[in-house]
Amino acid sequence: MPERPNARRILIVEDDPGARRSLLLLLTGRGFDAAAFPTAAQGLADAAMHPPACLVADYRLAETDGIALLQAMRVSGWMDPAILISAHSSPKLADRATAAGFAVIFDKPLREHALVDAVQRLVRGDG
């Protein structure tokens, strides 16, 4: 099966500049074509032009949250996998995120190798 044109494209939406840069460097360093934005609006605009193979979103964003971002992407027709990152995890948040379609939820501080492994697995379609 040939790779999709966007098979290595990862969209990162994280409003913390340091965390956003770290995620971008981590994923580009592992060979992904990653793009990172501080707002959901910028992420949505980029996704419309360059549909990603995977979304990596922070839960708490300045103007919205990662769940609302994924819901907006789903409404626009994007159905690929998504990963939520949160410093404020709880069973209720995990249930909401799973119901919204997040495949994986990570707590902060993030274990970098776990994120990379999850992204690789999800873009291959392994779950």
N, C-alpha and C. Protein backbone atom coordinates (compact mmCIF):
# COMPACT_ATOMS: atom_id res chain seq x y z
N MET A 1 0.85 -1.18 0.00
CA MET A 1 0.00 0.00 0.00
C MET A 1 0.89 1.24 0.00
N PRO A 2 0.74 2.13 -0.96
CA PRO A 2 1.59 3.33 -0.99
C PRO A 2 1.25 4.27 0.15
N GLU A 3 2.26 5.03 0.56
CA GLU A 3 2.04 5.99 1.64
C GLU A 3 1.16 7.12 1.15
N ARG A 4 0.32 7.60 2.05
CA ARG A 4 -0.48 8.79 1.74
C ARG A 4 0.47 9.98 1.63
N PRO A 5 0.12 11.00 0.85
CA PRO A 5 1.00 12.17 0.74
C PRO A 5 1.29 12.81 2.09
N ASN A 6 0.36 12.71 3.03
CA ASN A 6 0.53 13.36 4.34
C ASN A 6 0.98 12.38 5.41
N ALA A 7 1.48 11.23 5.04
CA ALA A 7 1.76 10.16 6.00
C ALA A 7 2.76 10.54 7.09
N ARG A 8 3.57 11.55 6.88
CA ARG A 8 4.55 11.97 7.89
C ARG A 8 4.21 13.35 8.46
N ARG A 9 3.09 13.93 8.07
CA ARG A 9 2.71 15.27 8.51
C ARG A 9 2.04 15.21 9.89
N ILE A 10 2.61 15.90 10.85
CA ILE A 10 2.08 15.94 12.21
C ILE A 10 1.74 17.40 12.54
N LEU A 11 0.53 17.62 13.00
CA LEU A 11 0.10 18.95 13.42
C LEU A 11 0.16 19.02 14.94
N ILE A 12 0.91 19.98 15.44
CA ILE A 12 1.06 20.21 16.88
C ILE A 12 0.35 21.52 17.21
N VAL A 13 -0.53 21.50 18.21
CA VAL A 13 -1.15 22.73 18.69
C VAL A 13 -0.92 22.79 20.20
N GLU A 14 -0.07 23.72 20.59
CA GLU A 14 0.37 23.88 21.98
C GLU A 14 0.63 25.35 22.21
N ASP A 15 -0.02 25.96 23.21
CA ASP A 15 0.14 27.39 23.40
C ASP A 15 1.37 27.79 24.20
N ASP A 16 2.00 26.86 24.89
CA ASP A 16 3.23 27.18 25.62
C ASP A 16 4.40 27.15 24.64
N PRO A 17 5.10 28.29 24.46
CA PRO A 17 6.16 28.36 23.45
C PRO A 17 7.27 27.32 23.64
N GLY A 18 7.70 27.12 24.88
CA GLY A 18 8.77 26.15 25.14
C GLY A 18 8.34 24.72 24.83
N ALA A 19 7.15 24.36 25.27
CA ALA A 19 6.64 23.01 25.00
C ALA A 19 6.40 22.81 23.51
N ARG A 20 5.87 23.85 22.85
CA ARG A 20 5.62 23.77 21.40
C ARG A 20 6.92 23.54 20.64
N ARG A 21 7.95 24.29 20.99
CA ARG A 21 9.24 24.14 20.32
C ARG A 21 9.84 22.75 20.60
N SER A 22 9.74 22.28 21.83
CA SER A 22 10.26 20.96 22.17
C SER A 22 9.56 19.86 21.37
N LEU A 23 8.24 19.93 21.28
CA LEU A 23 7.49 18.93 20.50
C LEU A 23 7.88 18.99 19.03
N LEU A 24 8.01 20.19 18.50
CA LEU A 24 8.39 20.36 17.10
C LEU A 24 9.77 19.77 16.84
N LEU A 25 10.73 20.10 17.68
CA LEU A 25 12.09 19.57 17.51
C LEU A 25 12.13 18.05 17.67
N LEU A 26 11.38 17.54 18.64
CA LEU A 26 11.35 16.10 18.87
C LEU A 26 10.82 15.36 17.64
N LEU A 27 9.71 15.81 17.10
CA LEU A 27 9.10 15.08 15.99
C LEU A 27 9.82 15.31 14.66
N THR A 28 10.31 16.52 14.41
CA THR A 28 11.08 16.71 13.18
C THR A 28 12.40 15.96 13.27
N GLY A 29 12.96 15.87 14.46
CA GLY A 29 14.19 15.10 14.65
C GLY A 29 14.02 13.62 14.41
N ARG A 30 12.80 13.15 14.48
CA ARG A 30 12.49 11.74 14.22
C ARG A 30 11.97 11.51 12.80
N GLY A 31 12.12 12.54 11.95
CA GLY A 31 11.79 12.37 10.54
C GLY A 31 10.38 12.76 10.14
N PHE A 32 9.62 13.31 11.06
CA PHE A 32 8.26 13.73 10.70
C PHE A 32 8.27 15.14 10.12
N ASP A 33 7.31 15.41 9.27
CA ASP A 33 7.08 16.74 8.73
C ASP A 33 6.10 17.42 9.68
N ALA A 34 6.62 17.98 10.76
CA ALA A 34 5.77 18.55 11.81
C ALA A 34 5.62 20.05 11.62
N ALA A 35 4.43 20.52 11.97
CA ALA A 35 4.14 21.95 11.99
C ALA A 35 3.50 22.24 13.34
N ALA A 36 3.88 23.36 13.96
CA ALA A 36 3.40 23.67 15.30
C ALA A 36 2.81 25.07 15.34
N PHE A 37 1.68 25.18 16.05
CA PHE A 37 0.98 26.46 16.15
C PHE A 37 0.51 26.69 17.58
N PRO A 38 0.41 27.97 17.98
CA PRO A 38 -0.01 28.28 19.35
C PRO A 38 -1.52 28.32 19.55
N THR A 39 -2.29 28.41 18.46
CA THR A 39 -3.75 28.52 18.61
C THR A 39 -4.47 27.47 17.77
N ALA A 40 -5.67 27.15 18.23
CA ALA A 40 -6.51 26.21 17.48
C ALA A 40 -6.86 26.77 16.11
N ALA A 41 -7.12 28.08 16.03
CA ALA A 41 -7.48 28.69 14.75
C ALA A 41 -6.35 28.52 13.74
N GLN A 42 -5.12 28.73 14.16
CA GLN A 42 -3.98 28.56 13.25
C GLN A 42 -3.82 27.09 12.87
N GLY A 43 -4.02 26.19 13.82
CA GLY A 43 -3.94 24.77 13.53
C GLY A 43 -5.00 24.33 12.55
N LEU A 44 -6.22 24.81 12.73
CA LEU A 44 -7.30 24.48 11.80
C LEU A 44 -7.02 24.99 10.40
N ALA A 45 -6.50 26.20 10.30
CA ALA A 45 -6.17 26.76 8.99
C ALA A 45 -5.09 25.93 8.31
N ASP A 46 -4.08 25.53 9.06
CA ASP A 46 -3.01 24.71 8.48
C ASP A 46 -3.54 23.34 8.07
N ALA A 47 -4.38 22.74 8.90
CA ALA A 47 -4.93 21.41 8.60
C ALA A 47 -5.79 21.45 7.34
N ALA A 48 -6.47 22.55 7.10
CA ALA A 48 -7.29 22.67 5.89
C ALA A 48 -6.42 22.68 4.64
N MET A 49 -5.24 23.26 4.73
CA MET A 49 -4.34 23.33 3.58
C MET A 49 -3.43 22.11 3.47
N HIS A 50 -3.04 21.55 4.61
CA HIS A 50 -2.09 20.42 4.66
C HIS A 50 -2.63 19.40 5.65
N PRO A 51 -3.60 18.58 5.28
CA PRO A 51 -4.17 17.64 6.25
C PRO A 51 -3.09 16.75 6.86
N PRO A 52 -3.03 16.72 8.18
CA PRO A 52 -1.99 15.93 8.84
C PRO A 52 -2.37 14.46 8.96
N ALA A 53 -1.37 13.64 9.19
CA ALA A 53 -1.59 12.22 9.47
C ALA A 53 -1.96 12.02 10.92
N CYS A 54 -1.60 13.01 11.77
CA CYS A 54 -1.86 12.90 13.21
C CYS A 54 -1.87 14.30 13.83
N LEU A 55 -2.76 14.49 14.78
CA LEU A 55 -2.82 15.72 15.56
C LEU A 55 -2.26 15.45 16.95
N VAL A 56 -1.40 16.34 17.42
CA VAL A 56 -0.93 16.33 18.81
C VAL A 56 -1.35 17.66 19.40
N ALA A 57 -2.29 17.62 20.35
CA ALA A 57 -2.85 18.87 20.88
C ALA A 57 -2.78 18.90 22.40
N ASP A 58 -2.48 20.07 22.92
CA ASP A 58 -2.57 20.30 24.36
C ASP A 58 -4.04 20.44 24.73
N TYR A 59 -4.39 20.05 25.92
CA TYR A 59 -5.78 20.18 26.35
C TYR A 59 -6.14 21.65 26.55
N ARG A 60 -5.37 22.35 27.37
CA ARG A 60 -5.69 23.74 27.66
C ARG A 60 -4.98 24.67 26.68
N LEU A 61 -5.77 25.31 25.85
CA LEU A 61 -5.27 26.31 24.91
C LEU A 61 -5.86 27.65 25.32
N ALA A 62 -5.25 28.72 24.86
CA ALA A 62 -5.67 30.05 25.30
C ALA A 62 -7.14 30.34 25.01
N GLU A 63 -7.61 30.03 23.81
CA GLU A 63 -8.96 30.43 23.44
C GLU A 63 -9.97 29.28 23.43
N THR A 64 -9.49 28.05 23.59
CA THR A 64 -10.36 26.87 23.56
C THR A 64 -9.62 25.71 24.22
N ASP A 65 -9.97 24.49 23.85
CA ASP A 65 -9.21 23.35 24.35
C ASP A 65 -9.00 22.34 23.22
N GLY A 66 -8.14 21.38 23.48
CA GLY A 66 -7.79 20.40 22.47
C GLY A 66 -8.97 19.55 22.03
N ILE A 67 -9.92 19.31 22.92
CA ILE A 67 -11.10 18.53 22.56
C ILE A 67 -11.95 19.28 21.54
N ALA A 68 -12.17 20.56 21.78
CA ALA A 68 -12.93 21.37 20.82
C ALA A 68 -12.19 21.46 19.48
N LEU A 69 -10.87 21.52 19.53
CA LEU A 69 -10.08 21.55 18.29
C LEU A 69 -10.32 20.27 17.49
N LEU A 70 -10.22 19.11 18.13
CA LEU A 70 -10.44 17.86 17.41
C LEU A 70 -11.87 17.79 16.88
N GLN A 71 -12.83 18.23 17.66
CA GLN A 71 -14.21 18.21 17.19
C GLN A 71 -14.37 19.07 15.94
N ALA A 72 -13.74 20.23 15.90
CA ALA A 72 -13.80 21.09 14.72
C ALA A 72 -13.15 20.42 13.52
N MET A 73 -12.03 19.73 13.75
CA MET A 73 -11.38 19.02 12.65
C MET A 73 -12.26 17.88 12.15
N ARG A 74 -12.93 17.18 13.04
CA ARG A 74 -13.84 16.10 12.64
C ARG A 74 -15.00 16.65 11.81
N VAL A 75 -15.56 17.78 12.21
CA VAL A 75 -16.65 18.41 11.47
C VAL A 75 -16.20 18.75 10.05
N SER A 76 -14.94 19.14 9.90
CA SER A 76 -14.43 19.49 8.57
C SER A 76 -14.09 18.26 7.73
N GLY A 77 -14.21 17.07 8.33
CA GLY A 77 -14.00 15.84 7.57
C GLY A 77 -12.69 15.12 7.85
N TRP A 78 -11.85 15.67 8.71
CA TRP A 78 -10.57 15.03 9.02
C TRP A 78 -10.82 13.89 10.00
N MET A 79 -10.38 12.69 9.67
CA MET A 79 -10.69 11.52 10.49
C MET A 79 -9.45 10.73 10.93
N ASP A 80 -8.28 11.32 10.84
CA ASP A 80 -7.06 10.62 11.23
C ASP A 80 -6.89 10.66 12.76
N PRO A 81 -5.87 9.96 13.28
CA PRO A 81 -5.72 9.85 14.74
C PRO A 81 -5.23 11.14 15.41
N ALA A 82 -5.53 11.21 16.70
CA ALA A 82 -5.16 12.39 17.49
C ALA A 82 -4.67 11.96 18.87
N ILE A 83 -3.75 12.77 19.39
CA ILE A 83 -3.17 12.56 20.71
C ILE A 83 -3.41 13.83 21.53
N LEU A 84 -3.89 13.66 22.75
CA LEU A 84 -4.11 14.78 23.65
C LEU A 84 -3.04 14.76 24.74
N ILE A 85 -2.52 15.93 25.07
CA ILE A 85 -1.54 16.09 26.13
C ILE A 85 -2.14 17.03 27.17
N SER A 86 -2.04 16.66 28.45
CA SER A 86 -2.63 17.50 29.48
C SER A 86 -1.83 17.46 30.78
N ALA A 87 -1.73 18.62 31.39
CA ALA A 87 -1.14 18.71 32.73
C ALA A 87 -2.24 18.59 33.78
N HIS A 88 -3.47 18.46 33.33
CA HIS A 88 -4.62 18.46 34.23
C HIS A 88 -5.49 17.23 33.99
N SER A 89 -4.87 16.07 33.99
CA SER A 89 -5.61 14.86 33.66
C SER A 89 -6.51 14.42 34.81
N SER A 90 -7.57 13.77 34.43
CA SER A 90 -8.53 13.21 35.38
C SER A 90 -9.31 12.13 34.63
N PRO A 91 -9.97 11.26 35.35
CA PRO A 91 -10.81 10.26 34.66
C PRO A 91 -11.89 10.91 33.80
N LYS A 92 -12.48 12.01 34.26
CA LYS A 92 -13.51 12.71 33.49
C LYS A 92 -12.93 13.25 32.18
N LEU A 93 -11.74 13.86 32.24
CA LEU A 93 -11.10 14.36 31.03
C LEU A 93 -10.78 13.21 30.09
N ALA A 94 -10.26 12.11 30.61
CA ALA A 94 -9.95 10.95 29.77
C ALA A 94 -11.20 10.45 29.07
N ASP A 95 -12.32 10.40 29.78
CA ASP A 95 -13.57 9.96 29.16
C ASP A 95 -14.02 10.91 28.06
N ARG A 96 -13.95 12.22 28.32
CA ARG A 96 -14.33 13.22 27.31
C ARG A 96 -13.43 13.13 26.08
N ALA A 97 -12.13 12.99 26.33
CA ALA A 97 -11.17 12.94 25.22
C ALA A 97 -11.37 11.69 24.38
N THR A 98 -11.58 10.57 25.02
CA THR A 98 -11.81 9.32 24.30
C THR A 98 -13.11 9.41 23.50
N ALA A 99 -14.16 9.94 24.10
CA ALA A 99 -15.43 10.10 23.40
C ALA A 99 -15.30 11.03 22.19
N ALA A 100 -14.42 12.02 22.28
CA ALA A 100 -14.21 12.95 21.17
C ALA A 100 -13.39 12.34 20.05
N GLY A 101 -12.68 11.25 20.35
CA GLY A 101 -11.91 10.58 19.31
C GLY A 101 -10.42 10.56 19.49
N PHE A 102 -9.92 11.00 20.64
CA PHE A 102 -8.48 10.92 20.87
C PHE A 102 -8.09 9.46 21.07
N ALA A 103 -7.05 9.04 20.36
CA ALA A 103 -6.58 7.66 20.44
C ALA A 103 -5.69 7.45 21.67
N VAL A 104 -4.96 8.49 22.06
CA VAL A 104 -4.01 8.40 23.17
C VAL A 104 -4.09 9.70 23.96
N ILE A 105 -3.95 9.58 25.28
CA ILE A 105 -3.91 10.75 26.16
C ILE A 105 -2.66 10.62 27.02
N PHE A 106 -1.82 11.66 26.99
CA PHE A 106 -0.60 11.68 27.78
C PHE A 106 -0.67 12.76 28.84
N ASP A 107 -0.12 12.46 30.00
CA ASP A 107 0.03 13.44 31.07
C ASP A 107 1.34 14.18 30.88
N LYS A 108 1.35 15.45 31.31
CA LYS A 108 2.59 16.20 31.42
C LYS A 108 3.13 15.96 32.81
N PRO A 109 4.43 15.91 33.00
CA PRO A 109 5.45 16.01 31.97
C PRO A 109 5.44 14.78 31.06
N LEU A 110 5.74 15.06 29.83
CA LEU A 110 5.66 14.06 28.78
C LEU A 110 6.92 13.21 28.70
N ARG A 111 6.72 11.92 28.52
CA ARG A 111 7.86 11.04 28.24
C ARG A 111 8.02 11.03 26.72
N GLU A 112 9.11 11.63 26.26
CA GLU A 112 9.30 11.85 24.82
C GLU A 112 9.22 10.56 24.02
N HIS A 113 9.87 9.49 24.50
CA HIS A 113 9.87 8.25 23.72
C HIS A 113 8.45 7.69 23.59
N ALA A 114 7.62 7.87 24.60
CA ALA A 114 6.24 7.38 24.53
C ALA A 114 5.45 8.13 23.47
N LEU A 115 5.66 9.44 23.38
CA LEU A 115 4.97 10.23 22.36
C LEU A 115 5.42 9.80 20.97
N VAL A 116 6.71 9.69 20.76
CA VAL A 116 7.23 9.30 19.45
C VAL A 116 6.70 7.92 19.06
N ASP A 117 6.73 6.98 19.99
CA ASP A 117 6.21 5.64 19.72
C ASP A 117 4.74 5.68 19.33
N ALA A 118 3.96 6.47 20.06
CA ALA A 118 2.52 6.56 19.77
C ALA A 118 2.28 7.18 18.40
N VAL A 119 2.99 8.25 18.07
CA VAL A 119 2.83 8.89 16.77
C VAL A 119 3.19 7.89 15.66
N GLN A 120 4.31 7.22 15.80
CA GLN A 120 4.72 6.25 14.78
C GLN A 120 3.67 5.16 14.61
N ARG A 121 3.17 4.63 15.70
CA ARG A 121 2.17 3.57 15.65
C ARG A 121 0.89 4.06 14.99
N LEU A 122 0.44 5.25 15.36
CA LEU A 122 -0.82 5.78 14.84
C LEU A 122 -0.75 6.12 13.35
N VAL A 123 0.36 6.69 12.90
CA VAL A 123 0.45 7.03 11.48
C VAL A 123 0.62 5.80 10.59
N ARG A 124 1.11 4.70 11.19
CA ARG A 124 1.17 3.42 10.46
C ARG A 124 -0.19 2.74 10.44
N GLY A 125 -1.09 3.18 11.31
CA GLY A 125 -2.40 2.56 11.40
C GLY A 125 -2.45 1.38 12.33
N ASP A 126 -1.48 1.31 13.27
CA ASP A 126 -1.42 0.19 14.20
C ASP A 126 -2.25 0.43 15.48
N GLY A 127 -3.06 1.43 15.49
CA GLY A 127 -3.88 1.56 16.67
C GLY A 127 -3.85 2.84 17.32
